[in-house]
Protein backbone atom coordinates (compact mmCIF):
# COMPACT_ATOMS: atom_id res chain seq x y z
CA UNK A 1 -1.62 22.33 -0.48
CA UNK A 2 -0.42 18.63 -0.50
CA UNK A 3 2.89 17.96 -2.46
CA UNK A 4 4.01 14.50 -3.37
CA UNK A 5 6.99 13.09 -5.12
CA UNK A 6 7.40 9.44 -6.27
CA UNK A 7 10.01 7.45 -8.03
CA UNK A 8 10.20 4.04 -9.72
CA UNK A 9 13.45 2.07 -10.43
CA UNK A 10 14.63 -1.25 -11.30
CA UNK A 11 11.96 -3.34 -9.13
CA UNK A 12 9.08 -3.76 -11.53
CA UNK A 13 6.25 -1.40 -10.31
CA UNK A 14 7.75 -0.63 -6.92
CA UNK A 15 7.13 2.91 -6.25
CA UNK A 16 8.80 5.09 -3.48
CA UNK A 17 6.59 8.00 -2.35
CA UNK A 18 7.77 11.07 -0.27
CA UNK A 19 5.30 13.70 1.04
CA UNK A 20 6.57 16.00 3.71
CA UNK A 21 8.46 13.90 6.54
CA UNK A 22 6.69 10.83 5.45
CA UNK A 23 7.80 7.91 3.15
CA UNK A 24 5.40 5.30 1.53
CA UNK A 25 5.46 2.56 -0.98
CA UNK A 26 3.22 1.36 -3.62
CA UNK A 27 3.39 -1.59 -5.89
CA UNK A 28 1.27 -4.09 -7.92
CA UNK A 29 0.58 -7.72 -6.53
CA UNK A 30 2.51 -10.50 -7.87
CA UNK A 31 -0.18 -11.92 -10.05
CA UNK A 32 0.11 -8.38 -11.93
CA UNK A 33 3.72 -8.65 -12.01
CA UNK A 34 4.79 -6.50 -9.08
CA UNK A 35 6.34 -7.62 -5.90
CA UNK A 36 3.54 -6.57 -3.65
CA UNK A 37 5.92 -4.08 -1.74
CA UNK A 38 2.97 -1.83 -0.89
CA UNK A 39 -0.74 -0.95 -1.29
CA UNK A 40 -1.71 -0.53 -5.12
CA UNK A 41 -2.54 3.00 -6.37
CA UNK A 42 -6.21 2.06 -6.11
CA UNK A 43 -5.72 1.14 -2.48
CA UNK A 44 -3.93 4.31 -1.81
CA UNK A 45 -6.65 6.29 -3.29
CA UNK A 46 -9.30 4.53 -1.21
CA UNK A 47 -6.91 5.01 1.86
CA UNK A 48 -6.88 8.86 1.36
CA UNK A 49 -10.75 8.97 1.16
CA UNK A 50 -11.03 6.54 4.37
CA UNK A 51 -8.51 8.70 6.43
CA UNK A 52 -10.07 12.11 5.37
CA UNK A 53 -13.68 10.74 6.12
CA UNK A 54 -12.57 9.53 9.51
CA UNK A 55 -10.50 12.67 10.39
CA UNK A 56 -13.19 14.97 9.49
CA UNK A 57 -16.08 13.18 11.33
CA UNK A 58 -13.90 12.85 14.51
CA UNK A 59 -12.94 16.42 14.34
CA UNK A 60 -16.56 17.51 14.02
CA UNK A 61 -17.73 15.25 16.73
CA UNK A 62 -15.01 16.64 19.18
CA UNK A 63 -15.93 20.12 18.12
CA UNK A 64 -19.74 19.42 18.99
CA UNK A 65 -18.78 17.54 22.31
CA UNK A 66 -20.55 14.61 21.06
CA UNK A 67 -19.78 11.15 22.66
CA UNK A 68 -18.39 9.68 19.57
CA UNK A 69 -15.89 6.86 20.98
CA UNK A 70 -14.44 5.62 17.65
CA UNK A 71 -15.14 5.23 13.86
CA UNK A 72 -14.56 2.67 11.34
CA UNK A 73 -14.89 2.96 7.51
CA UNK A 74 -14.80 0.17 4.90
CA UNK A 75 -14.35 1.28 1.07
CA UNK A 76 -14.46 -0.85 -2.06
CA UNK A 77 -14.53 0.06 -5.71
CA UNK A 78 -17.72 -1.53 -7.19
CA UNK A 79 -17.87 -2.10 -10.79
CA UNK A 80 -21.12 -1.72 -12.71
CA UNK A 81 -21.12 -4.69 -15.04
CA UNK A 82 -23.89 -2.95 -17.37
CA UNK A 83 -21.62 0.09 -17.94
CA UNK A 84 -18.22 -0.62 -19.34
CA UNK A 85 -15.97 1.79 -17.22
CA UNK A 86 -18.53 2.78 -14.63
CA UNK A 87 -17.09 2.34 -11.13
CA UNK A 88 -18.65 3.45 -7.70
CA UNK A 89 -16.85 3.77 -4.28
CA UNK A 90 -18.98 2.12 -1.69
CA UNK A 91 -18.21 3.58 1.68
CA UNK A 92 -19.70 2.01 4.92
CA UNK A 93 -19.12 3.94 8.24
CA UNK A 94 -19.70 2.57 11.52
CA UNK A 95 -20.02 4.87 14.46
CA UNK A 96 -19.20 3.86 17.97
CA UNK A 97 -20.69 5.64 21.02
CA UNK A 98 -24.16 7.00 22.11
CA UNK A 99 -25.00 9.48 19.40
CA UNK A 100 -28.38 11.02 19.01
CA UNK A 101 -30.21 10.34 15.74
CA UNK A 102 -29.63 13.97 14.91
CA UNK A 103 -26.04 13.59 15.54
CA UNK A 104 -25.77 10.56 13.40
CA UNK A 105 -27.77 12.33 10.58
CA UNK A 106 -25.35 15.42 10.71
CA UNK A 107 -22.27 13.12 10.32
CA UNK A 108 -24.00 11.19 7.60
CA UNK A 109 -24.41 14.68 5.84
CA UNK A 110 -20.84 15.69 6.66
CA UNK A 111 -19.42 12.44 5.22
CA UNK A 112 -20.67 13.60 1.88
CA UNK A 113 -18.67 17.09 2.15
CA UNK A 114 -15.31 15.91 3.48
CA UNK A 115 -12.52 17.64 1.64
CA UNK A 116 -11.32 14.38 -0.40
CA UNK A 117 -14.98 13.34 -1.26
CA UNK A 118 -15.66 16.73 -2.64
CA UNK A 119 -12.33 16.54 -4.82
CA UNK A 120 -13.19 13.10 -6.15
CA UNK A 121 -17.00 13.24 -6.68
CA UNK A 122 -17.12 15.70 -9.72
CA UNK A 123 -13.90 14.14 -11.24
CA UNK A 124 -10.53 15.78 -10.84
CA UNK A 125 -8.90 17.61 -13.69
CA UNK A 126 -5.31 16.55 -14.17
CA UNK A 127 -2.69 18.65 -16.05
CA UNK A 128 0.12 16.69 -17.17
CA UNK A 129 3.62 17.93 -18.24
CA UNK A 130 6.29 15.62 -19.37
CA UNK A 131 10.07 16.54 -18.97
CA UNK A 132 13.19 15.14 -20.16
CA UNK A 133 15.84 14.28 -17.49
CA UNK A 134 19.35 15.59 -18.36
CA UNK A 135 21.69 12.90 -19.68
CA UNK A 136 24.22 11.75 -17.40
CA UNK A 137 27.62 13.14 -17.80
CA UNK A 138 30.00 10.79 -19.61
CA UNK A 139 33.19 9.91 -17.62
CA UNK A 140 36.40 10.93 -19.23
CA UNK A 141 38.76 8.00 -20.00
């Protein structure tokens, strides 16, 4: 399973993220008090869904030996103005290559069953534990 560690220091809202051998940053835009040193947390969430969607569809097409040359995906959060907290993700997938209608239908069905899609759709329970860091040792005079 995936494992991520992250920390925030003196820069307002700038977060350093580590996962495996990879280092990422996240931040808020300047208008929100951040320094725009990286994508926002919401952008990272959509990026995760985008990459999972593209990887899954590309792997499946490769396994089926379909002539899928490339894929693009565009994701946005869409707020439902009628419902106060209701937000939907709009995902637009563009397939490049001479695919049959049956192949396109299969890929459309598969897009609804990618691992990250399945994790996000029903909601994701989050169990939170707070810890107190040990106080730094006092230097002797």
